[in-house]
């Protein structure tokens, strides 16, 4: 892993400000506190997937269950749709 670049972090003013909990500030979702039930749920799901990925990586196991869709089941550009 690369060492953390403090100069790069200090260039972002939203990191230097106290944490805000409202989306009206214009600060990205990943750099502020969640506001409301939907954002709290979204943050919890995001943390779950990051911890799951870290757990698999530390155990040296490959990802076998995600993504939930198979590549061959996705609709391609020139596919004919039976409506």
C-alpha atoms as a PDB file:
ATOM      1  CA  UNK A   1       0.000   0.000   0.000  1.00  0.00           C
ATOM      2  CA  UNK A   2       1.079   3.552  -0.668  1.00  0.00           C
ATOM      3  CA  UNK A   3       1.653   5.906   2.262  1.00  0.00           C
ATOM      4  CA  UNK A   4      -1.053   8.502   2.854  1.00  0.00           C
ATOM      5  CA  UNK A   5      -0.373  11.796   1.080  1.00  0.00           C
ATOM      6  CA  UNK A   6      -1.218  14.491   3.642  1.00  0.00           C
ATOM      7  CA  UNK A   7      -0.748  17.319   1.143  1.00  0.00           C
ATOM      8  CA  UNK A   8      -3.404  15.795  -1.120  1.00  0.00           C
ATOM      9  CA  UNK A   9      -5.828  15.480   1.807  1.00  0.00           C
ATOM     10  CA  UNK A  10      -5.253  19.084   2.852  1.00  0.00           C
ATOM     11  CA  UNK A  11      -6.220  20.307  -0.643  1.00  0.00           C
ATOM     12  CA  UNK A  12      -9.863  19.282  -0.053  1.00  0.00           C
ATOM     13  CA  UNK A  13     -11.596  21.926   2.073  1.00  0.00           C
ATOM     14  CA  UNK A  14     -14.521  19.616   2.913  1.00  0.00           C
ATOM     15  CA  UNK A  15     -12.174  17.364   4.903  1.00  0.00           C
ATOM     16  CA  UNK A  16     -10.866  20.311   6.925  1.00  0.00           C
ATOM     17  CA  UNK A  17     -14.352  21.530   7.902  1.00  0.00           C
ATOM     18  CA  UNK A  18     -16.345  19.981  10.764  1.00  0.00           C
ATOM     19  CA  UNK A  19     -18.494  17.044   9.564  1.00  0.00           C
ATOM     20  CA  UNK A  20     -21.880  18.088   8.208  1.00  0.00           C
ATOM     21  CA  UNK A  21     -25.034  16.003   8.113  1.00  0.00           C
ATOM     22  CA  UNK A  22     -27.023  17.742   5.412  1.00  0.00           C
ATOM     23  CA  UNK A  23     -26.825  17.107   1.651  1.00  0.00           C
ATOM     24  CA  UNK A  24     -27.540  20.790   0.969  1.00  0.00           C
ATOM     25  CA  UNK A  25     -23.893  21.711   1.571  1.00  0.00           C
ATOM     26  CA  UNK A  26     -22.860  20.175  -1.751  1.00  0.00           C
ATOM     27  CA  UNK A  27     -20.251  17.942  -0.103  1.00  0.00           C
ATOM     28  CA  UNK A  28     -19.996  14.415  -1.549  1.00  0.00           C
ATOM     29  CA  UNK A  29     -21.817  11.625   0.291  1.00  0.00           C
ATOM     30  CA  UNK A  30     -18.569   9.826   1.137  1.00  0.00           C
ATOM     31  CA  UNK A  31     -17.174  12.950   2.871  1.00  0.00           C
ATOM     32  CA  UNK A  32     -20.105  13.819   5.151  1.00  0.00           C
ATOM     33  CA  UNK A  33     -22.369  12.245   7.740  1.00  0.00           C
ATOM     34  CA  UNK A  34     -25.525  10.470   6.477  1.00  0.00           C
ATOM     35  CA  UNK A  35     -28.765  12.445   6.702  1.00  0.00           C
ATOM     36  CA  UNK A  36     -32.015  10.513   7.050  1.00  0.00           C
ATOM     37  CA  UNK A  37     -32.855   6.827   7.014  1.00  0.00           C
ATOM     38  CA  UNK A  38     -32.080   6.272   3.328  1.00  0.00           C
ATOM     39  CA  UNK A  39     -28.554   7.660   3.594  1.00  0.00           C
ATOM     40  CA  UNK A  40     -27.925   5.803   6.865  1.00  0.00           C
ATOM     41  CA  UNK A  41     -28.976   2.548   5.192  1.00  0.00           C
ATOM     42  CA  UNK A  42     -26.837   3.355   2.158  1.00  0.00           C
ATOM     43  CA  UNK A  43     -23.822   3.999   4.408  1.00  0.00           C
ATOM     44  CA  UNK A  44     -24.428   0.741   6.338  1.00  0.00           C
ATOM     45  CA  UNK A  45     -24.577  -1.269   3.102  1.00  0.00           C
ATOM     46  CA  UNK A  46     -21.408   0.406   1.856  1.00  0.00           C
ATOM     47  CA  UNK A  47     -19.559  -0.390   5.107  1.00  0.00           C
ATOM     48  CA  UNK A  48     -20.782  -4.006   4.984  1.00  0.00           C
ATOM     49  CA  UNK A  49     -19.423  -4.525   1.469  1.00  0.00           C
ATOM     50  CA  UNK A  50     -16.092  -2.888   2.333  1.00  0.00           C
ATOM     51  CA  UNK A  51     -15.693  -5.075   5.445  1.00  0.00           C
ATOM     52  CA  UNK A  52     -16.689  -8.161   3.458  1.00  0.00           C
ATOM     53  CA  UNK A  53     -14.116  -7.360   0.795  1.00  0.00           C
ATOM     54  CA  UNK A  54     -11.440  -6.781   3.443  1.00  0.00           C
ATOM     55  CA  UNK A  55     -12.312 -10.062   5.175  1.00  0.00           C
ATOM     56  CA  UNK A  56     -12.046 -12.030   1.925  1.00  0.00           C
ATOM     57  CA  UNK A  57      -8.781 -10.308   1.053  1.00  0.00           C
ATOM     58  CA  UNK A  58      -7.206 -11.025   4.453  1.00  0.00           C
ATOM     59  CA  UNK A  59      -8.231 -14.685   4.266  1.00  0.00           C
ATOM     60  CA  UNK A  60      -6.955 -14.938   0.692  1.00  0.00           C
ATOM     61  CA  UNK A  61     -10.306 -16.154  -0.646  1.00  0.00           C
ATOM     62  CA  UNK A  62     -11.648 -15.169  -4.065  1.00  0.00           C
ATOM     63  CA  UNK A  63     -15.002 -13.450  -4.487  1.00  0.00           C
ATOM     64  CA  UNK A  64     -17.524 -16.125  -5.512  1.00  0.00           C
ATOM     65  CA  UNK A  65     -20.944 -14.603  -4.758  1.00  0.00           C
ATOM     66  CA  UNK A  66     -20.779 -11.094  -6.215  1.00  0.00           C
ATOM     67  CA  UNK A  67     -21.924  -9.598  -8.516  1.00  0.00           C
ATOM     68  CA  UNK A  68     -25.379 -11.121  -8.222  1.00  0.00           C
ATOM     69  CA  UNK A  69     -25.982 -10.921 -11.970  1.00  0.00           C
ATOM     70  CA  UNK A  70     -24.152 -13.043 -14.478  1.00  0.00           C
ATOM     71  CA  UNK A  71     -22.521 -11.334 -17.452  1.00  0.00           C
ATOM     72  CA  UNK A  72     -24.362 -13.573 -19.931  1.00  0.00           C
ATOM     73  CA  UNK A  73     -27.782 -12.591 -18.490  1.00  0.00           C
ATOM     74  CA  UNK A  74     -27.275  -8.865 -19.107  1.00  0.00           C
ATOM     75  CA  UNK A  75     -28.908  -7.194 -22.120  1.00  0.00           C
ATOM     76  CA  UNK A  76     -26.392  -6.280 -24.808  1.00  0.00           C
ATOM     77  CA  UNK A  77     -26.569  -3.388 -27.297  1.00  0.00           C
ATOM     78  CA  UNK A  78     -27.851  -5.349 -30.328  1.00  0.00           C
ATOM     79  CA  UNK A  79     -30.123  -7.802 -28.460  1.00  0.00           C
ATOM     80  CA  UNK A  80     -33.734  -8.156 -29.635  1.00  0.00           C
ATOM     81  CA  UNK A  81     -36.262  -7.629 -26.849  1.00  0.00           C
ATOM     82  CA  UNK A  82     -39.479  -9.672 -26.883  1.00  0.00           C
ATOM     83  CA  UNK A  83     -42.026  -7.113 -25.688  1.00  0.00           C
END
